[in-house]
Amino acid sequence: MSAEPADAPRILCIVGSPRRGGNSDRLADALAHGVDAEGGVAVSVAVSLAGIAPCKGCGTCERTGTCVVRDGMEDIYPLLETACAVAVVSPVYFASVPAQLKALYDRCQPYWARKYVLHQERTGAKRPGALLLVAGGGDPFGAQCAVTSTKSVFGVLGVEMSHLAEFTEVDKPGDIEMHPGAIAQAESIGADLVRASNIARAQRAHEGLGRLG
């Protein structure tokens, strides 16, 4: 296996499903394939395996900018901070995201505290982001809560949702394979995130040279 290029953009893919080997995993695999094909490095995190406890609501991060809970989130914070782009792939549960993914979202409270309380907002252009949702359909409230909560987290992470894909009538494992164009769309989104990351990095480099000059 050849070593990955040191300067290859790293794309973080967060898989929110509590079920392994299902439709969310299949879409995440396709997205990762698109990332790799475009010369990026896909870093996947399955929240159901990450060992993330819910936010305690203690408010400590509003003073320190960091979380006091010591668990699997300690491994995810650096990924969130250093990724060139962030993608979330998740099923829709009662118009929102599963509890495991919501726990990760809530544990991003330190970034909210840094931005709005400590005024330490991340500088520079926003990073590209994507949300891919699978749902069985039939819920009159759709998936708007899943979209809104993800946008809220992206906002404090300095990520802009550049891609949103919703696939309905996808419930049982394997259903996504029957959805026209879903796999190809996920691959395309992965490739787009790499291209957008390269453009953003080139712009930052150019701005840095301009300031030096």
N, C-alpha and C. Protein backbone atom coordinates (compact mmCIF):
# COMPACT_ATOMS: atom_id res chain seq x y z
N MET A 1 0.86 -1.20 0.00
CA MET A 1 0.00 0.00 0.00
C MET A 1 0.89 1.24 0.00
N SER A 2 0.65 2.17 -0.91
CA SER A 2 1.45 3.37 -0.99
C SER A 2 1.04 4.35 0.09
N ALA A 3 2.00 5.14 0.55
CA ALA A 3 1.72 6.13 1.58
C ALA A 3 0.90 7.27 1.00
N GLU A 4 0.01 7.79 1.82
CA GLU A 4 -0.81 8.90 1.35
C GLU A 4 0.04 10.17 1.29
N PRO A 5 -0.21 11.06 0.31
CA PRO A 5 0.55 12.30 0.21
C PRO A 5 0.40 13.13 1.47
N ALA A 6 1.48 13.75 1.90
CA ALA A 6 1.46 14.52 3.14
C ALA A 6 0.50 15.70 3.05
N ASP A 7 0.34 16.25 1.83
CA ASP A 7 -0.50 17.43 1.67
C ASP A 7 -1.91 17.11 1.17
N ALA A 8 -2.28 15.84 1.16
CA ALA A 8 -3.61 15.46 0.70
C ALA A 8 -4.66 15.97 1.68
N PRO A 9 -5.73 16.60 1.19
CA PRO A 9 -6.77 17.08 2.09
C PRO A 9 -7.48 15.93 2.79
N ARG A 10 -7.66 16.06 4.08
CA ARG A 10 -8.32 15.04 4.88
C ARG A 10 -9.79 15.41 5.04
N ILE A 11 -10.65 14.51 4.64
CA ILE A 11 -12.10 14.74 4.69
C ILE A 11 -12.68 13.85 5.78
N LEU A 12 -13.25 14.45 6.79
CA LEU A 12 -13.84 13.70 7.90
C LEU A 12 -15.27 13.31 7.54
N CYS A 13 -15.57 12.03 7.64
CA CYS A 13 -16.93 11.52 7.38
C CYS A 13 -17.47 10.92 8.66
N ILE A 14 -18.50 11.53 9.21
CA ILE A 14 -19.13 11.08 10.44
C ILE A 14 -20.38 10.29 10.08
N VAL A 15 -20.41 9.03 10.49
CA VAL A 15 -21.55 8.15 10.19
C VAL A 15 -22.42 8.07 11.43
N GLY A 16 -23.66 8.54 11.32
CA GLY A 16 -24.51 8.68 12.49
C GLY A 16 -25.41 7.52 12.81
N SER A 17 -25.42 6.48 12.00
CA SER A 17 -26.34 5.38 12.23
C SER A 17 -25.87 4.48 13.37
N PRO A 18 -26.80 4.01 14.23
CA PRO A 18 -26.44 3.03 15.25
C PRO A 18 -26.29 1.63 14.68
N ARG A 19 -26.67 1.46 13.41
CA ARG A 19 -26.62 0.15 12.76
C ARG A 19 -25.44 0.08 11.82
N ARG A 20 -24.62 -0.92 11.98
CA ARG A 20 -23.47 -1.11 11.11
C ARG A 20 -23.88 -1.91 9.87
N GLY A 21 -23.24 -1.61 8.75
CA GLY A 21 -23.47 -2.33 7.52
C GLY A 21 -24.76 -1.98 6.82
N GLY A 22 -25.37 -0.86 7.20
CA GLY A 22 -26.63 -0.46 6.59
C GLY A 22 -26.46 0.57 5.49
N ASN A 23 -27.52 1.32 5.23
CA ASN A 23 -27.53 2.26 4.12
C ASN A 23 -26.60 3.45 4.35
N SER A 24 -26.51 3.92 5.60
CA SER A 24 -25.61 5.03 5.89
C SER A 24 -24.16 4.63 5.65
N ASP A 25 -23.80 3.43 6.09
CA ASP A 25 -22.44 2.94 5.86
C ASP A 25 -22.14 2.84 4.37
N ARG A 26 -23.11 2.39 3.61
CA ARG A 26 -22.91 2.24 2.16
C ARG A 26 -22.67 3.60 1.51
N LEU A 27 -23.44 4.59 1.90
CA LEU A 27 -23.24 5.93 1.35
C LEU A 27 -21.90 6.50 1.79
N ALA A 28 -21.53 6.25 3.05
CA ALA A 28 -20.25 6.74 3.55
C ALA A 28 -19.09 6.10 2.80
N ASP A 29 -19.21 4.82 2.50
CA ASP A 29 -18.18 4.13 1.72
C ASP A 29 -18.05 4.75 0.33
N ALA A 30 -19.20 5.05 -0.28
CA ALA A 30 -19.18 5.65 -1.61
C ALA A 30 -18.56 7.04 -1.56
N LEU A 31 -18.91 7.82 -0.54
CA LEU A 31 -18.32 9.15 -0.40
C LEU A 31 -16.80 9.05 -0.23
N ALA A 32 -16.36 8.09 0.59
CA ALA A 32 -14.93 7.89 0.79
C ALA A 32 -14.23 7.50 -0.51
N HIS A 33 -14.91 6.70 -1.31
CA HIS A 33 -14.34 6.31 -2.61
C HIS A 33 -14.13 7.54 -3.48
N GLY A 34 -15.11 8.43 -3.47
CA GLY A 34 -14.97 9.67 -4.24
C GLY A 34 -13.84 10.54 -3.74
N VAL A 35 -13.67 10.59 -2.41
CA VAL A 35 -12.57 11.35 -1.82
C VAL A 35 -11.23 10.78 -2.27
N ASP A 36 -11.09 9.47 -2.16
CA ASP A 36 -9.83 8.82 -2.53
C ASP A 36 -9.52 9.00 -4.01
N ALA A 37 -10.56 8.87 -4.84
CA ALA A 37 -10.37 8.99 -6.29
C ALA A 37 -9.90 10.38 -6.69
N GLU A 38 -10.26 11.38 -5.89
CA GLU A 38 -9.88 12.76 -6.19
C GLU A 38 -8.55 13.15 -5.54
N GLY A 39 -7.93 12.20 -4.84
CA GLY A 39 -6.62 12.48 -4.24
C GLY A 39 -6.67 12.93 -2.80
N GLY A 40 -7.84 12.82 -2.18
CA GLY A 40 -7.94 13.17 -0.77
C GLY A 40 -7.80 11.94 0.12
N VAL A 41 -7.92 12.16 1.41
CA VAL A 41 -7.86 11.08 2.40
C VAL A 41 -9.14 11.11 3.21
N ALA A 42 -9.90 10.03 3.15
CA ALA A 42 -11.15 9.94 3.88
C ALA A 42 -10.89 9.38 5.27
N VAL A 43 -11.39 10.07 6.28
CA VAL A 43 -11.27 9.64 7.67
C VAL A 43 -12.69 9.42 8.19
N SER A 44 -13.05 8.17 8.43
CA SER A 44 -14.42 7.85 8.82
C SER A 44 -14.54 7.58 10.31
N VAL A 45 -15.62 8.07 10.90
CA VAL A 45 -15.92 7.86 12.32
C VAL A 45 -17.35 7.36 12.43
N ALA A 46 -17.54 6.19 13.02
CA ALA A 46 -18.87 5.66 13.30
C ALA A 46 -19.22 6.03 14.74
N VAL A 47 -20.20 6.90 14.93
CA VAL A 47 -20.46 7.41 16.26
C VAL A 47 -20.92 6.30 17.22
N SER A 48 -21.57 5.27 16.70
CA SER A 48 -22.05 4.20 17.57
C SER A 48 -20.90 3.41 18.20
N LEU A 49 -19.71 3.51 17.62
CA LEU A 49 -18.54 2.80 18.15
C LEU A 49 -17.57 3.73 18.88
N ALA A 50 -17.89 5.01 18.92
CA ALA A 50 -16.92 6.00 19.42
C ALA A 50 -16.95 6.19 20.93
N GLY A 51 -18.00 5.72 21.60
CA GLY A 51 -18.06 5.87 23.05
C GLY A 51 -18.22 7.31 23.50
N ILE A 52 -19.26 7.98 22.98
CA ILE A 52 -19.50 9.39 23.29
C ILE A 52 -20.67 9.52 24.25
N ALA A 53 -20.40 10.09 25.42
CA ALA A 53 -21.46 10.33 26.41
C ALA A 53 -22.17 11.65 26.10
N PRO A 54 -23.39 11.81 26.57
CA PRO A 54 -24.10 13.08 26.36
C PRO A 54 -23.43 14.24 27.09
N CYS A 55 -23.70 15.45 26.63
CA CYS A 55 -23.24 16.65 27.31
C CYS A 55 -23.85 16.70 28.71
N LYS A 56 -23.04 17.10 29.70
CA LYS A 56 -23.51 17.20 31.08
C LYS A 56 -24.17 18.54 31.38
N GLY A 57 -24.01 19.49 30.51
CA GLY A 57 -24.58 20.81 30.75
C GLY A 57 -23.95 21.53 31.92
N CYS A 58 -22.69 21.23 32.21
CA CYS A 58 -22.04 21.79 33.40
C CYS A 58 -21.58 23.22 33.21
N GLY A 59 -21.40 23.64 31.96
CA GLY A 59 -20.99 25.01 31.68
C GLY A 59 -19.51 25.28 31.82
N THR A 60 -18.72 24.26 32.12
CA THR A 60 -17.27 24.48 32.28
C THR A 60 -16.63 25.01 31.01
N CYS A 61 -17.08 24.51 29.86
CA CYS A 61 -16.47 24.94 28.59
C CYS A 61 -16.65 26.43 28.33
N GLU A 62 -17.63 27.04 28.99
CA GLU A 62 -17.83 28.47 28.81
C GLU A 62 -16.73 29.29 29.51
N ARG A 63 -16.00 28.63 30.41
CA ARG A 63 -14.87 29.28 31.07
C ARG A 63 -13.53 28.86 30.48
N THR A 64 -13.46 27.59 30.03
CA THR A 64 -12.17 27.04 29.59
C THR A 64 -12.08 26.80 28.08
N GLY A 65 -13.24 26.68 27.42
CA GLY A 65 -13.23 26.36 25.99
C GLY A 65 -13.01 24.90 25.70
N THR A 66 -12.95 24.08 26.75
CA THR A 66 -12.75 22.64 26.57
C THR A 66 -13.77 21.87 27.40
N CYS A 67 -13.93 20.59 27.05
CA CYS A 67 -14.90 19.73 27.71
C CYS A 67 -14.24 18.94 28.83
N VAL A 68 -14.95 18.77 29.94
CA VAL A 68 -14.39 18.05 31.08
C VAL A 68 -14.62 16.54 30.99
N VAL A 69 -15.51 16.10 30.10
CA VAL A 69 -15.83 14.68 29.99
C VAL A 69 -14.70 13.98 29.25
N ARG A 70 -14.22 12.91 29.80
CA ARG A 70 -13.12 12.15 29.20
C ARG A 70 -13.67 10.85 28.62
N ASP A 71 -13.81 10.83 27.32
CA ASP A 71 -14.33 9.64 26.64
C ASP A 71 -13.90 9.67 25.18
N GLY A 72 -14.61 8.98 24.33
CA GLY A 72 -14.22 8.88 22.93
C GLY A 72 -14.22 10.19 22.18
N MET A 73 -14.89 11.18 22.70
CA MET A 73 -14.92 12.48 22.03
C MET A 73 -13.54 13.13 22.01
N GLU A 74 -12.67 12.72 22.93
CA GLU A 74 -11.31 13.26 22.95
C GLU A 74 -10.56 12.93 21.66
N ASP A 75 -10.90 11.81 21.04
CA ASP A 75 -10.27 11.45 19.77
C ASP A 75 -10.90 12.17 18.59
N ILE A 76 -12.14 12.61 18.77
CA ILE A 76 -12.87 13.22 17.65
C ILE A 76 -12.63 14.73 17.58
N TYR A 77 -12.44 15.38 18.71
CA TYR A 77 -12.19 16.83 18.67
C TYR A 77 -11.05 17.20 17.72
N PRO A 78 -9.88 16.53 17.78
CA PRO A 78 -8.81 16.91 16.84
C PRO A 78 -9.20 16.69 15.38
N LEU A 79 -9.99 15.67 15.11
CA LEU A 79 -10.43 15.43 13.74
C LEU A 79 -11.34 16.55 13.26
N LEU A 80 -12.24 17.00 14.12
CA LEU A 80 -13.14 18.09 13.77
C LEU A 80 -12.37 19.38 13.50
N GLU A 81 -11.29 19.57 14.24
CA GLU A 81 -10.54 20.83 14.14
C GLU A 81 -9.59 20.86 12.96
N THR A 82 -9.08 19.71 12.55
CA THR A 82 -8.04 19.69 11.51
C THR A 82 -8.54 19.25 10.14
N ALA A 83 -9.74 18.70 10.06
CA ALA A 83 -10.25 18.24 8.76
C ALA A 83 -10.40 19.41 7.79
N CYS A 84 -10.12 19.15 6.54
CA CYS A 84 -10.30 20.18 5.51
C CYS A 84 -11.76 20.32 5.11
N ALA A 85 -12.55 19.29 5.36
CA ALA A 85 -13.98 19.31 5.10
C ALA A 85 -14.64 18.28 6.00
N VAL A 86 -15.93 18.46 6.26
CA VAL A 86 -16.66 17.55 7.15
C VAL A 86 -17.94 17.09 6.45
N ALA A 87 -18.15 15.78 6.44
CA ALA A 87 -19.38 15.21 5.89
C ALA A 87 -20.07 14.39 6.98
N VAL A 88 -21.38 14.47 7.02
CA VAL A 88 -22.18 13.67 7.95
C VAL A 88 -23.14 12.83 7.12
N VAL A 89 -23.17 11.53 7.42
CA VAL A 89 -24.10 10.61 6.76
C VAL A 89 -24.94 9.97 7.86
N SER A 90 -26.27 10.07 7.73
CA SER A 90 -27.09 9.63 8.85
C SER A 90 -28.50 9.25 8.41
N PRO A 91 -29.12 8.33 9.14
CA PRO A 91 -30.55 8.12 8.96
C PRO A 91 -31.33 9.22 9.67
N VAL A 92 -32.60 9.29 9.37
CA VAL A 92 -33.48 10.26 10.02
C VAL A 92 -34.36 9.52 11.01
N TYR A 93 -34.30 9.96 12.27
CA TYR A 93 -35.14 9.38 13.32
C TYR A 93 -36.08 10.47 13.84
N PHE A 94 -37.38 10.29 13.64
CA PHE A 94 -38.36 11.28 14.09
C PHE A 94 -37.96 12.69 13.68
N ALA A 95 -37.68 12.85 12.40
CA ALA A 95 -37.37 14.13 11.76
C ALA A 95 -36.00 14.69 12.16
N SER A 96 -35.25 13.98 12.99
CA SER A 96 -33.94 14.47 13.41
C SER A 96 -32.90 13.37 13.25
N VAL A 97 -31.80 13.47 13.97
CA VAL A 97 -30.73 12.49 13.86
C VAL A 97 -30.79 11.52 15.05
N PRO A 98 -30.18 10.34 14.93
CA PRO A 98 -30.17 9.38 16.03
C PRO A 98 -29.47 9.94 17.28
N ALA A 99 -29.80 9.34 18.42
CA ALA A 99 -29.26 9.81 19.70
C ALA A 99 -27.74 9.80 19.72
N GLN A 100 -27.13 8.78 19.10
CA GLN A 100 -25.67 8.69 19.12
C GLN A 100 -25.04 9.90 18.42
N LEU A 101 -25.61 10.30 17.29
CA LEU A 101 -25.08 11.45 16.57
C LEU A 101 -25.41 12.74 17.31
N LYS A 102 -26.60 12.81 17.89
CA LYS A 102 -26.97 14.02 18.64
C LYS A 102 -26.03 14.22 19.82
N ALA A 103 -25.57 13.13 20.44
CA ALA A 103 -24.62 13.27 21.53
C ALA A 103 -23.33 13.93 21.04
N LEU A 104 -22.86 13.52 19.87
CA LEU A 104 -21.67 14.16 19.29
C LEU A 104 -21.94 15.63 19.04
N TYR A 105 -23.11 15.94 18.47
CA TYR A 105 -23.45 17.33 18.21
C TYR A 105 -23.42 18.14 19.51
N ASP A 106 -24.06 17.61 20.55
CA ASP A 106 -24.14 18.34 21.81
C ASP A 106 -22.77 18.53 22.44
N ARG A 107 -21.87 17.58 22.22
CA ARG A 107 -20.53 17.68 22.78
C ARG A 107 -19.65 18.68 22.00
N CYS A 108 -20.22 19.31 20.98
CA CYS A 108 -19.53 20.40 20.29
C CYS A 108 -19.79 21.73 20.99
N GLN A 109 -20.39 21.67 22.16
CA GLN A 109 -20.65 22.88 22.93
C GLN A 109 -19.39 23.71 23.20
N PRO A 110 -18.21 23.11 23.38
CA PRO A 110 -17.01 23.94 23.56
C PRO A 110 -16.76 24.90 22.40
N TYR A 111 -17.10 24.47 21.17
CA TYR A 111 -16.89 25.35 20.03
C TYR A 111 -17.89 26.51 20.05
N TRP A 112 -19.11 26.23 20.53
CA TRP A 112 -20.09 27.30 20.72
C TRP A 112 -19.57 28.29 21.76
N ALA A 113 -19.03 27.75 22.86
CA ALA A 113 -18.52 28.61 23.93
C ALA A 113 -17.35 29.46 23.44
N ARG A 114 -16.46 28.86 22.67
CA ARG A 114 -15.32 29.62 22.16
C ARG A 114 -15.78 30.77 21.26
N LYS A 115 -16.81 30.49 20.46
CA LYS A 115 -17.27 31.50 19.50
C LYS A 115 -18.07 32.60 20.16
N TYR A 116 -19.04 32.23 21.00
CA TYR A 116 -20.00 33.21 21.49
C TYR A 116 -19.71 33.73 22.90
N VAL A 117 -18.96 32.99 23.70
CA VAL A 117 -18.67 33.42 25.07
C VAL A 117 -17.23 33.91 25.20
N LEU A 118 -16.29 33.12 24.69
CA LEU A 118 -14.88 33.46 24.83
C LEU A 118 -14.34 34.26 23.65
N HIS A 119 -15.17 34.39 22.61
CA HIS A 119 -14.81 35.18 21.43
C HIS A 119 -13.49 34.72 20.82
N GLN A 120 -13.40 33.41 20.66
CA GLN A 120 -12.22 32.79 20.04
C GLN A 120 -12.64 32.07 18.76
N GLU A 121 -13.45 32.72 17.96
CA GLU A 121 -13.98 32.08 16.76
C GLU A 121 -12.86 31.69 15.81
N ARG A 122 -13.04 30.55 15.17
CA ARG A 122 -12.08 30.07 14.18
C ARG A 122 -11.94 31.09 13.06
N THR A 123 -10.71 31.40 12.68
CA THR A 123 -10.47 32.40 11.64
C THR A 123 -10.34 31.73 10.28
N GLY A 124 -10.40 32.54 9.24
CA GLY A 124 -10.23 32.03 7.88
C GLY A 124 -11.55 31.65 7.25
N ALA A 125 -11.46 31.28 5.98
CA ALA A 125 -12.65 30.91 5.23
C ALA A 125 -13.29 29.64 5.79
N LYS A 126 -14.58 29.54 5.63
CA LYS A 126 -15.29 28.34 6.11
C LYS A 126 -14.88 27.13 5.30
N ARG A 127 -14.85 26.00 5.95
CA ARG A 127 -14.55 24.75 5.29
C ARG A 127 -15.83 24.19 4.65
N PRO A 128 -15.71 23.44 3.56
CA PRO A 128 -16.90 22.84 2.95
C PRO A 128 -17.43 21.70 3.80
N GLY A 129 -18.74 21.50 3.72
CA GLY A 129 -19.36 20.41 4.46
C GLY A 129 -20.50 19.80 3.68
N ALA A 130 -20.89 18.60 4.08
CA ALA A 130 -21.96 17.89 3.38
C ALA A 130 -22.80 17.11 4.38
N LEU A 131 -24.08 16.98 4.06
CA LEU A 131 -24.99 16.16 4.86
C LEU A 131 -25.75 15.24 3.92
N LEU A 132 -25.64 13.94 4.16
CA LEU A 132 -26.37 12.94 3.38
C LEU A 132 -27.31 12.21 4.33
N LEU A 133 -28.60 12.22 4.01
CA LEU A 133 -29.61 11.65 4.88
C LEU A 133 -30.37 10.53 4.18
N VAL A 134 -30.67 9.48 4.92
CA VAL A 134 -31.54 8.42 4.42
C VAL A 134 -32.74 8.31 5.35
N ALA A 135 -33.91 8.14 4.76
CA ALA A 135 -35.14 8.09 5.56
C ALA A 135 -36.14 7.16 4.92
N GLY A 136 -36.94 6.55 5.76
CA GLY A 136 -37.98 5.66 5.25
C GLY A 136 -39.11 6.40 4.58
N GLY A 137 -39.29 7.67 4.95
CA GLY A 137 -40.39 8.44 4.39
C GLY A 137 -41.66 8.24 5.20
N GLY A 138 -42.65 9.06 4.93
CA GLY A 138 -43.92 8.93 5.61
C GLY A 138 -44.11 9.86 6.79
N ASP A 139 -43.02 10.39 7.33
CA ASP A 139 -43.13 11.33 8.44
C ASP A 139 -43.54 12.70 7.89
N PRO A 140 -44.68 13.25 8.35
CA PRO A 140 -45.12 14.55 7.79
C PRO A 140 -44.17 15.69 8.10
N PHE A 141 -43.25 15.50 9.04
CA PHE A 141 -42.31 16.56 9.40
C PHE A 141 -40.97 16.41 8.68
N GLY A 142 -40.83 15.41 7.84
CA GLY A 142 -39.65 15.27 7.00
C GLY A 142 -38.36 15.16 7.77
N ALA A 143 -37.32 15.85 7.27
CA ALA A 143 -35.99 15.75 7.87
C ALA A 143 -35.44 17.11 8.26
N GLN A 144 -36.32 18.11 8.36
CA GLN A 144 -35.83 19.47 8.57
C GLN A 144 -35.05 19.63 9.86
N CYS A 145 -35.46 18.92 10.92
CA CYS A 145 -34.73 19.03 12.19
C CYS A 145 -33.31 18.49 12.07
N ALA A 146 -33.16 17.41 11.29
CA ALA A 146 -31.82 16.85 11.07
C ALA A 146 -30.94 17.84 10.34
N VAL A 147 -31.52 18.52 9.36
CA VAL A 147 -30.77 19.52 8.58
C VAL A 147 -30.39 20.70 9.46
N THR A 148 -31.36 21.21 10.22
CA THR A 148 -31.13 22.40 11.03
C THR A 148 -30.09 22.15 12.12
N SER A 149 -30.18 21.02 12.82
CA SER A 149 -29.22 20.75 13.89
C SER A 149 -27.81 20.58 13.32
N THR A 150 -27.70 19.97 12.13
CA THR A 150 -26.38 19.82 11.52
C THR A 150 -25.82 21.16 11.10
N LYS A 151 -26.65 22.01 10.52
CA LYS A 151 -26.19 23.35 10.16
C LYS A 151 -25.72 24.13 11.38
N SER A 152 -26.42 23.94 12.50
CA SER A 152 -26.06 24.65 13.73
C SER A 152 -24.67 24.22 14.19
N VAL A 153 -24.40 22.92 14.18
CA VAL A 153 -23.08 22.42 14.58
C VAL A 153 -22.02 22.88 13.58
N PHE A 154 -22.32 22.77 12.30
CA PHE A 154 -21.38 23.24 11.28
C PHE A 154 -21.01 24.70 11.52
N GLY A 155 -22.00 25.49 11.93
CA GLY A 155 -21.76 26.92 12.13
C GLY A 155 -20.67 27.21 13.14
N VAL A 156 -20.65 26.46 14.26
CA VAL A 156 -19.63 26.73 15.28
C VAL A 156 -18.32 26.05 14.94
N LEU A 157 -18.34 25.12 13.98
CA LEU A 157 -17.11 24.46 13.54
C LEU A 157 -16.43 25.21 12.39
N GLY A 158 -17.07 26.25 11.90
CA GLY A 158 -16.51 26.95 10.75
C GLY A 158 -16.68 26.17 9.46
N VAL A 159 -17.81 25.46 9.34
CA VAL A 159 -18.09 24.64 8.17
C VAL A 159 -19.38 25.14 7.51
N GLU A 160 -19.37 25.24 6.21
CA GLU A 160 -20.55 25.63 5.46
C GLU A 160 -21.10 24.42 4.72
N MET A 161 -22.41 24.18 4.86
CA MET A 161 -23.01 23.04 4.20
C MET A 161 -23.13 23.31 2.70
N SER A 162 -22.16 22.81 1.95
CA SER A 162 -22.14 23.03 0.51
C SER A 162 -22.94 21.96 -0.24
N HIS A 163 -23.21 20.82 0.41
CA HIS A 163 -23.96 19.75 -0.22
C HIS A 163 -24.99 19.18 0.74
N LEU A 164 -26.20 19.02 0.27
CA LEU A 164 -27.26 18.38 1.04
C LEU A 164 -27.97 17.39 0.13
N ALA A 165 -28.00 16.12 0.53
CA ALA A 165 -28.66 15.07 -0.25
C ALA A 165 -29.57 14.28 0.68
N GLU A 166 -30.84 14.15 0.29
CA GLU A 166 -31.81 13.41 1.08
C GLU A 166 -32.38 12.27 0.22
N PHE A 167 -32.31 11.07 0.74
CA PHE A 167 -32.80 9.89 0.03
C PHE A 167 -33.93 9.27 0.86
N THR A 168 -35.13 9.27 0.31
CA THR A 168 -36.29 8.73 1.03
C THR A 168 -36.64 7.34 0.52
N GLU A 169 -37.55 6.71 1.24
CA GLU A 169 -37.95 5.33 0.97
C GLU A 169 -36.73 4.40 1.06
N VAL A 170 -35.86 4.72 1.99
CA VAL A 170 -34.66 3.93 2.26
C VAL A 170 -34.72 3.53 3.73
N ASP A 171 -35.00 2.26 4.01
CA ASP A 171 -35.20 1.83 5.38
C ASP A 171 -34.42 0.56 5.70
N LYS A 172 -34.74 -0.52 5.01
CA LYS A 172 -34.07 -1.79 5.27
C LYS A 172 -32.66 -1.78 4.69
N PRO A 173 -31.73 -2.53 5.31
CA PRO A 173 -30.37 -2.60 4.77
C PRO A 173 -30.38 -3.00 3.30
N GLY A 174 -29.65 -2.24 2.50
CA GLY A 174 -29.57 -2.53 1.07
C GLY A 174 -30.52 -1.70 0.22
N ASP A 175 -31.48 -1.01 0.85
CA ASP A 175 -32.44 -0.22 0.07
C ASP A 175 -31.77 0.87 -0.74
N ILE A 176 -30.65 1.41 -0.24
CA ILE A 176 -29.99 2.50 -0.94
C ILE A 176 -29.50 2.07 -2.32
N GLU A 177 -29.21 0.79 -2.48
CA GLU A 177 -28.75 0.29 -3.77
C GLU A 177 -29.84 0.40 -4.83
N MET A 178 -31.09 0.45 -4.39
CA MET A 178 -32.21 0.55 -5.32
C MET A 178 -32.58 2.00 -5.63
N HIS A 179 -31.92 2.95 -4.94
CA HIS A 179 -32.23 4.36 -5.15
C HIS A 179 -31.42 4.88 -6.32
N PRO A 180 -32.08 5.30 -7.39
CA PRO A 180 -31.35 5.71 -8.60
C PRO A 180 -30.33 6.81 -8.34
N GLY A 181 -29.10 6.53 -8.66
CA GLY A 181 -28.06 7.55 -8.61
C GLY A 181 -27.51 7.87 -7.24
N ALA A 182 -27.99 7.21 -6.17
CA ALA A 182 -27.56 7.59 -4.82
C ALA A 182 -26.07 7.35 -4.61
N ILE A 183 -25.58 6.19 -5.01
CA ILE A 183 -24.17 5.86 -4.79
C ILE A 183 -23.27 6.78 -5.60
N ALA A 184 -23.65 7.01 -6.86
CA ALA A 184 -22.86 7.90 -7.70
C ALA A 184 -22.88 9.33 -7.15
N GLN A 185 -24.01 9.75 -6.59
CA GLN A 185 -24.08 11.11 -6.02
C GLN A 185 -23.18 11.23 -4.81
N ALA A 186 -23.16 10.20 -3.96
CA ALA A 186 -22.28 10.23 -2.79
C ALA A 186 -20.82 10.30 -3.21
N GLU A 187 -20.44 9.53 -4.22
CA GLU A 187 -19.05 9.58 -4.72
C GLU A 187 -18.73 10.97 -5.25
N SER A 188 -19.68 11.56 -5.96
CA SER A 188 -19.46 12.89 -6.52
C SER A 188 -19.29 13.94 -5.41
N ILE A 189 -20.07 13.80 -4.35
CA ILE A 189 -19.95 14.74 -3.23
C ILE A 189 -18.58 14.61 -2.59
N GLY A 190 -18.10 13.38 -2.41
CA GLY A 190 -16.78 13.18 -1.86
C GLY A 190 -15.70 13.86 -2.68
N ALA A 191 -15.78 13.69 -3.99
CA ALA A 191 -14.81 14.33 -4.88
C ALA A 191 -14.92 15.84 -4.82
N ASP A 192 -16.16 16.36 -4.77
CA ASP A 192 -16.36 17.81 -4.70
C ASP A 192 -15.76 18.39 -3.43
N LEU A 193 -15.86 17.68 -2.32
CA LEU A 193 -15.30 18.17 -1.07
C LEU A 193 -13.78 18.29 -1.16
N VAL A 194 -13.14 17.36 -1.84
CA VAL A 194 -11.69 17.44 -2.03
C VAL A 194 -11.34 18.65 -2.89
N ARG A 195 -12.06 18.82 -3.99
CA ARG A 195 -11.77 19.95 -4.89
C ARG A 195 -11.99 21.27 -4.17
N ALA A 196 -13.08 21.38 -3.42
CA ALA A 196 -13.36 22.62 -2.69
C ALA A 196 -12.30 22.88 -1.62
N SER A 197 -11.82 21.81 -0.99
CA SER A 197 -10.76 21.95 0.02
C SER A 197 -9.47 22.44 -0.60
N ASN A 198 -9.12 21.92 -1.77
CA ASN A 198 -7.91 22.36 -2.46
C ASN A 198 -8.01 23.83 -2.86
N ILE A 199 -9.16 24.25 -3.32
CA ILE A 199 -9.35 25.65 -3.70
C ILE A 199 -9.21 26.55 -2.48
N ALA A 200 -9.83 26.15 -1.37
CA ALA A 200 -9.77 26.95 -0.15
C ALA A 200 -8.34 27.06 0.37
N ARG A 201 -7.60 25.95 0.31
CA ARG A 201 -6.21 25.99 0.78
C ARG A 201 -5.35 26.87 -0.11
N ALA A 202 -5.59 26.83 -1.41
CA ALA A 202 -4.84 27.68 -2.33
C ALA A 202 -5.13 29.15 -2.07
N GLN A 203 -6.39 29.46 -1.78
CA GLN A 203 -6.75 30.84 -1.49
C GLN A 203 -6.09 31.33 -0.21
N ARG A 204 -6.07 30.45 0.82
CA ARG A 204 -5.43 30.84 2.08
C ARG A 204 -3.93 31.06 1.88
N ALA A 205 -3.31 30.19 1.07
CA ALA A 205 -1.88 30.34 0.80
C ALA A 205 -1.60 31.65 0.06
N HIS A 206 -2.44 31.99 -0.89
CA HIS A 206 -2.28 33.22 -1.66
C HIS A 206 -2.44 34.44 -0.75
N GLU A 207 -3.44 34.38 0.15
CA GLU A 207 -3.66 35.50 1.05
C GLU A 207 -2.47 35.67 1.99
N GLY A 208 -1.89 34.52 2.42
CA GLY A 208 -0.72 34.59 3.29
C GLY A 208 0.47 35.21 2.60
N LEU A 209 0.68 34.86 1.35
CA LEU A 209 1.78 35.45 0.58
C LEU A 209 1.56 36.93 0.37
N GLY A 210 0.29 37.30 0.15
CA GLY A 210 -0.04 38.71 -0.04
C GLY A 210 0.28 39.53 1.20
N ARG A 211 -0.01 38.97 2.37
CA ARG A 211 0.27 39.69 3.61
C ARG A 211 1.79 39.80 3.84
N LEU A 212 2.51 38.72 3.48
CA LEU A 212 3.97 38.77 3.65
C LEU A 212 4.60 39.80 2.73
N GLY A 213 4.00 39.94 1.54
CA GLY A 213 4.55 40.89 0.59
C GLY A 213 4.19 42.30 0.92
